Amino acid sequence: MVRFLVSILLGAAVTFGLFSLMAFLVTGANRGNEEPVENIIVEVNTTPPKSAAEQRRRVPPPPPPPPKTPPKPQAPEPEVNNDTSGLTFNMPGVQLAGANTGISAPGSGFGRDGEATPIVRIEPKYPIQAARDGKEGWVKLSFTINEIGGVEDVKVIEAQPKRIFDKEAKRALRKWKYKPKVVDGKPQRQPGLTVQLDFKMDGGS
């Protein structure tokens, strides 16, 4: 009986030893087949790499040159009609009520008392039809010099021949300019002045 129990215990011990040996061998074989794992190191660089490309800076264009100063306007010259078409005109002095008013020559001052002074006289145009027909004549006109030296209220008193030279004579007289008559330092209006404009062809007597 004692032998039987010893045999059972011994068999169990041998069996356990065999299983332990087999387990050790199996584990050792699996470890031998495993390859060593390399450690991978990942580096994180927060600074961007320097670029070899050159940075171009935008240069602003130069400012435009200042505009040229415009030339100063020149004072207009008095209107003078030089187109006489080869014709002559006889323009005597201005008269008041048939008598000479004694209008002074240019150069009199505005501030001093004095009579009206002519500044601009425009010669009338010779009517084309009258020039073709070889007609001559004259026109006597009445007019007024206002406070600023302009001519107004132009009327035909007498003409020879009638209605041939009236229009051109009136048109020219309205463009005349005067320094007005001054009394006590103030310009005065002068009504009732008269003038005669003669229309003559070249070579006429």
Protein backbone atom coordinates (compact mmCIF):
# COMPACT_ATOMS: atom_id res chain seq x y z
CA MET A 1 0.00 0.00 0.00
CA VAL A 2 2.80 2.33 0.90
CA ARG A 3 4.55 1.60 -2.37
CA PHE A 4 1.41 2.42 -4.33
CA LEU A 5 1.12 5.85 -2.74
CA VAL A 6 4.81 6.59 -3.28
CA SER A 7 4.49 5.58 -6.92
CA ILE A 8 1.53 7.91 -7.44
CA LEU A 9 3.35 10.87 -5.82
CA LEU A 10 6.51 10.19 -7.76
CA GLY A 11 4.62 9.93 -11.05
CA ALA A 12 2.84 13.21 -10.34
CA ALA A 13 6.12 14.93 -9.56
CA VAL A 14 7.75 13.65 -12.76
CA THR A 15 4.72 14.70 -14.80
CA PHE A 16 4.76 18.17 -13.32
CA GLY A 17 8.47 18.46 -13.99
CA LEU A 18 8.03 17.41 -17.58
CA PHE A 19 5.25 19.97 -18.16
CA SER A 20 7.34 22.70 -16.56
CA LEU A 21 10.29 21.78 -18.81
CA MET A 22 8.15 21.86 -21.94
CA ALA A 23 6.64 25.20 -20.98
CA PHE A 24 10.15 26.63 -20.43
CA LEU A 25 11.36 25.35 -23.77
CA VAL A 26 8.34 26.78 -25.63
CA THR A 27 8.76 30.19 -23.97
CA GLY A 28 12.49 30.32 -24.69
CA ALA A 29 11.94 29.45 -28.36
CA ASN A 30 9.39 32.31 -28.81
CA ARG A 31 11.75 34.80 -27.19
CA GLY A 32 14.58 33.75 -29.52
CA ASN A 33 12.47 34.41 -32.60
CA GLU A 34 11.57 37.98 -31.53
CA GLU A 35 13.73 40.70 -33.15
CA PRO A 36 14.92 43.62 -31.09
CA VAL A 37 12.75 46.75 -31.63
CA GLU A 38 14.60 49.94 -32.42
CA ASN A 39 13.70 53.03 -30.47
CA ILE A 40 12.42 55.75 -32.90
CA ILE A 41 12.97 59.29 -31.69
CA VAL A 42 10.66 61.94 -33.16
CA GLU A 43 11.92 65.51 -32.98
CA VAL A 44 9.45 68.41 -33.22
CA ASN A 45 11.05 71.64 -34.44
CA THR A 46 8.82 74.71 -33.93
CA THR A 47 11.23 77.08 -35.74
CA PRO A 48 10.65 77.14 -39.57
CA PRO A 49 13.76 76.54 -41.64
CA LYS A 50 15.39 79.55 -43.18
CA SER A 51 14.47 80.04 -46.81
CA ALA A 52 17.22 80.61 -49.31
CA ALA A 53 14.94 82.83 -51.39
CA GLU A 54 15.55 86.56 -51.03
CA GLN A 55 12.79 88.73 -49.67
CA ARG A 56 11.87 91.59 -51.99
CA ARG A 57 10.68 94.80 -50.46
CA ARG A 58 8.20 96.92 -52.42
CA VAL A 59 9.64 100.34 -53.08
CA PRO A 60 6.96 103.09 -53.47
CA PRO A 61 7.11 105.01 -56.78
CA PRO A 62 8.54 108.55 -56.65
CA PRO A 63 5.96 111.35 -56.16
CA PRO A 64 4.76 113.09 -59.35
CA PRO A 65 6.32 116.47 -60.12
CA PRO A 66 4.33 119.52 -58.98
CA PRO A 67 2.07 121.06 -61.67
CA LYS A 68 3.46 124.00 -63.54
CA THR A 69 2.15 127.38 -62.50
CA PRO A 70 -0.22 128.67 -65.19
CA PRO A 71 0.82 131.93 -66.80
CA LYS A 72 -0.76 135.04 -65.41
CA PRO A 73 -3.64 136.27 -67.54
CA GLN A 74 -2.84 139.40 -69.42
CA ALA A 75 -5.13 142.36 -69.41
CA PRO A 76 -7.25 142.49 -72.57
CA GLU A 77 -6.19 145.12 -75.01
CA PRO A 78 -8.69 147.68 -76.22
CA GLU A 79 -10.65 146.48 -79.19
CA VAL A 80 -9.42 148.00 -82.40
CA ASN A 81 -10.92 147.13 -85.76
CA ASN A 82 -8.18 147.28 -88.36
CA ASP A 83 -10.29 145.79 -91.16
CA THR A 84 -11.06 148.91 -93.12
CA SER A 85 -11.12 147.09 -96.48
CA GLY A 86 -8.95 149.82 -97.98
CA LEU A 87 -11.41 152.53 -96.93
CA THR A 88 -10.85 155.69 -94.92
CA PHE A 89 -13.10 157.31 -92.33
CA ASN A 90 -13.13 160.86 -91.11
CA MET A 91 -14.11 161.01 -87.44
CA PRO A 92 -14.03 164.61 -86.11
CA GLY A 93 -14.13 165.52 -82.45
CA VAL A 94 -17.24 165.07 -80.31
CA GLN A 95 -19.56 168.06 -80.12
CA LEU A 96 -22.24 169.03 -77.63
CA ALA A 97 -25.31 170.78 -79.05
CA GLY A 98 -23.30 171.85 -82.08
CA ALA A 99 -20.40 173.32 -80.05
CA ASN A 100 -17.05 171.83 -79.12
CA THR A 101 -17.17 170.41 -75.58
CA GLY A 102 -13.41 170.75 -75.05
CA ILE A 103 -12.85 167.08 -74.27
CA SER A 104 -9.34 166.77 -72.89
CA ALA A 105 -6.64 164.62 -74.41
CA PRO A 106 -5.82 161.17 -72.98
CA GLY A 107 -3.80 161.20 -69.79
CA SER A 108 -6.17 163.15 -67.53
CA GLY A 109 -6.53 161.60 -64.07
CA PHE A 110 -9.74 160.04 -62.76
CA GLY A 111 -9.56 161.74 -59.39
CA ARG A 112 -9.40 165.32 -60.70
CA ASP A 113 -12.26 167.29 -62.18
CA GLY A 114 -12.33 167.37 -65.95
CA GLU A 115 -14.23 166.64 -69.11
CA ALA A 116 -14.71 163.18 -70.66
CA THR A 117 -11.60 161.67 -72.21
CA PRO A 118 -11.77 159.23 -75.16
CA ILE A 119 -9.99 155.92 -74.54
CA VAL A 120 -11.13 153.58 -77.31
CA ARG A 121 -12.58 154.52 -80.71
CA ILE A 122 -13.71 151.79 -83.10
CA GLU A 123 -13.85 152.62 -86.80
CA PRO A 124 -17.10 151.60 -88.49
CA LYS A 125 -17.15 149.00 -91.24
CA TYR A 126 -17.87 150.25 -94.73
CA PRO A 127 -21.12 148.61 -95.98
CA ILE A 128 -20.34 146.11 -98.73
CA GLN A 129 -23.14 147.27 -101.00
CA ALA A 130 -22.10 150.92 -100.64
CA ALA A 131 -18.49 150.02 -101.40
CA ARG A 132 -19.54 148.11 -104.52
CA ASP A 133 -21.64 151.06 -105.70
CA GLY A 134 -18.87 153.53 -104.86
CA LYS A 135 -21.13 155.52 -102.51
CA GLU A 136 -19.77 157.95 -99.92
CA GLY A 137 -21.52 159.82 -97.14
CA TRP A 138 -21.71 160.72 -93.47
CA VAL A 139 -23.85 160.08 -90.40
CA LYS A 140 -24.43 162.52 -87.54
CA LEU A 141 -25.23 160.81 -84.21
CA SER A 142 -26.27 161.82 -80.72
CA PHE A 143 -25.24 159.76 -77.68
CA THR A 144 -24.69 159.74 -73.92
CA ILE A 145 -21.56 158.95 -71.90
CA ASN A 146 -22.59 157.20 -68.66
CA GLU A 147 -20.85 157.25 -65.26
CA ILE A 148 -18.47 154.38 -66.16
CA GLY A 149 -17.47 155.77 -69.55
CA GLY A 150 -19.71 153.63 -71.75
CA VAL A 151 -21.74 154.94 -74.70
CA GLU A 152 -25.53 154.59 -74.75
CA ASP A 153 -28.68 156.19 -76.17
CA VAL A 154 -27.16 156.28 -79.66
CA LYS A 155 -29.50 157.92 -82.20
CA VAL A 156 -29.14 159.10 -85.80
CA ILE A 157 -29.76 162.85 -86.15
CA GLU A 158 -28.99 163.22 -89.83
CA ALA A 159 -27.39 161.14 -92.58
CA GLN A 160 -26.38 161.58 -96.18
CA PRO A 161 -27.42 159.43 -97.96
CA LYS A 162 -30.14 158.19 -95.64
CA ARG A 163 -30.17 154.66 -94.15
CA ILE A 164 -27.03 153.56 -96.02
CA PHE A 165 -24.41 154.03 -93.29
CA ASP A 166 -26.70 154.35 -90.22
CA LYS A 167 -26.38 150.75 -88.94
CA GLU A 168 -22.59 150.52 -89.10
CA ALA A 169 -22.14 154.00 -87.62
CA LYS A 170 -24.35 153.19 -84.61
CA ARG A 171 -22.69 149.82 -84.08
CA ALA A 172 -19.21 151.36 -84.02
CA LEU A 173 -20.18 154.25 -81.71
CA ARG A 174 -21.63 151.89 -79.08
CA LYS A 175 -18.15 150.32 -78.71
CA TRP A 176 -16.41 153.60 -77.90
CA LYS A 177 -15.02 154.03 -74.35
CA TYR A 178 -14.37 157.22 -72.36
CA LYS A 179 -13.09 158.35 -69.02
CA PRO A 180 -16.26 159.97 -67.68
CA LYS A 181 -16.55 163.62 -66.79
CA VAL A 182 -15.60 164.26 -63.14
CA VAL A 183 -17.13 167.01 -60.99
CA ASP A 184 -16.14 167.32 -57.31
CA GLY A 185 -14.43 163.95 -57.54
CA LYS A 186 -17.55 162.12 -58.82
CA PRO A 187 -18.10 160.82 -62.38
CA GLN A 188 -20.97 162.48 -64.18
CA ARG A 189 -23.38 161.36 -66.86
CA GLN A 190 -23.16 163.42 -70.07
CA PRO A 191 -26.21 163.30 -72.35
CA GLY A 192 -26.75 165.12 -75.64
CA LEU A 193 -23.29 164.64 -77.15
CA THR A 194 -23.01 164.52 -80.95
CA VAL A 195 -20.49 163.20 -83.42
CA GLN A 196 -20.30 162.92 -87.19
CA LEU A 197 -18.78 159.88 -88.88
CA ASP A 198 -17.75 160.33 -92.52
CA PHE A 199 -17.60 157.42 -94.96
CA LYS A 200 -15.21 158.06 -97.87
CA MET A 201 -13.56 155.84 -100.42
CA ASP A 202 -9.79 155.90 -100.96
CA GLY A 203 -8.78 158.93 -102.99
CA GLY A 204 -12.02 160.73 -102.13
CA SER A 205 -11.85 164.48 -101.55
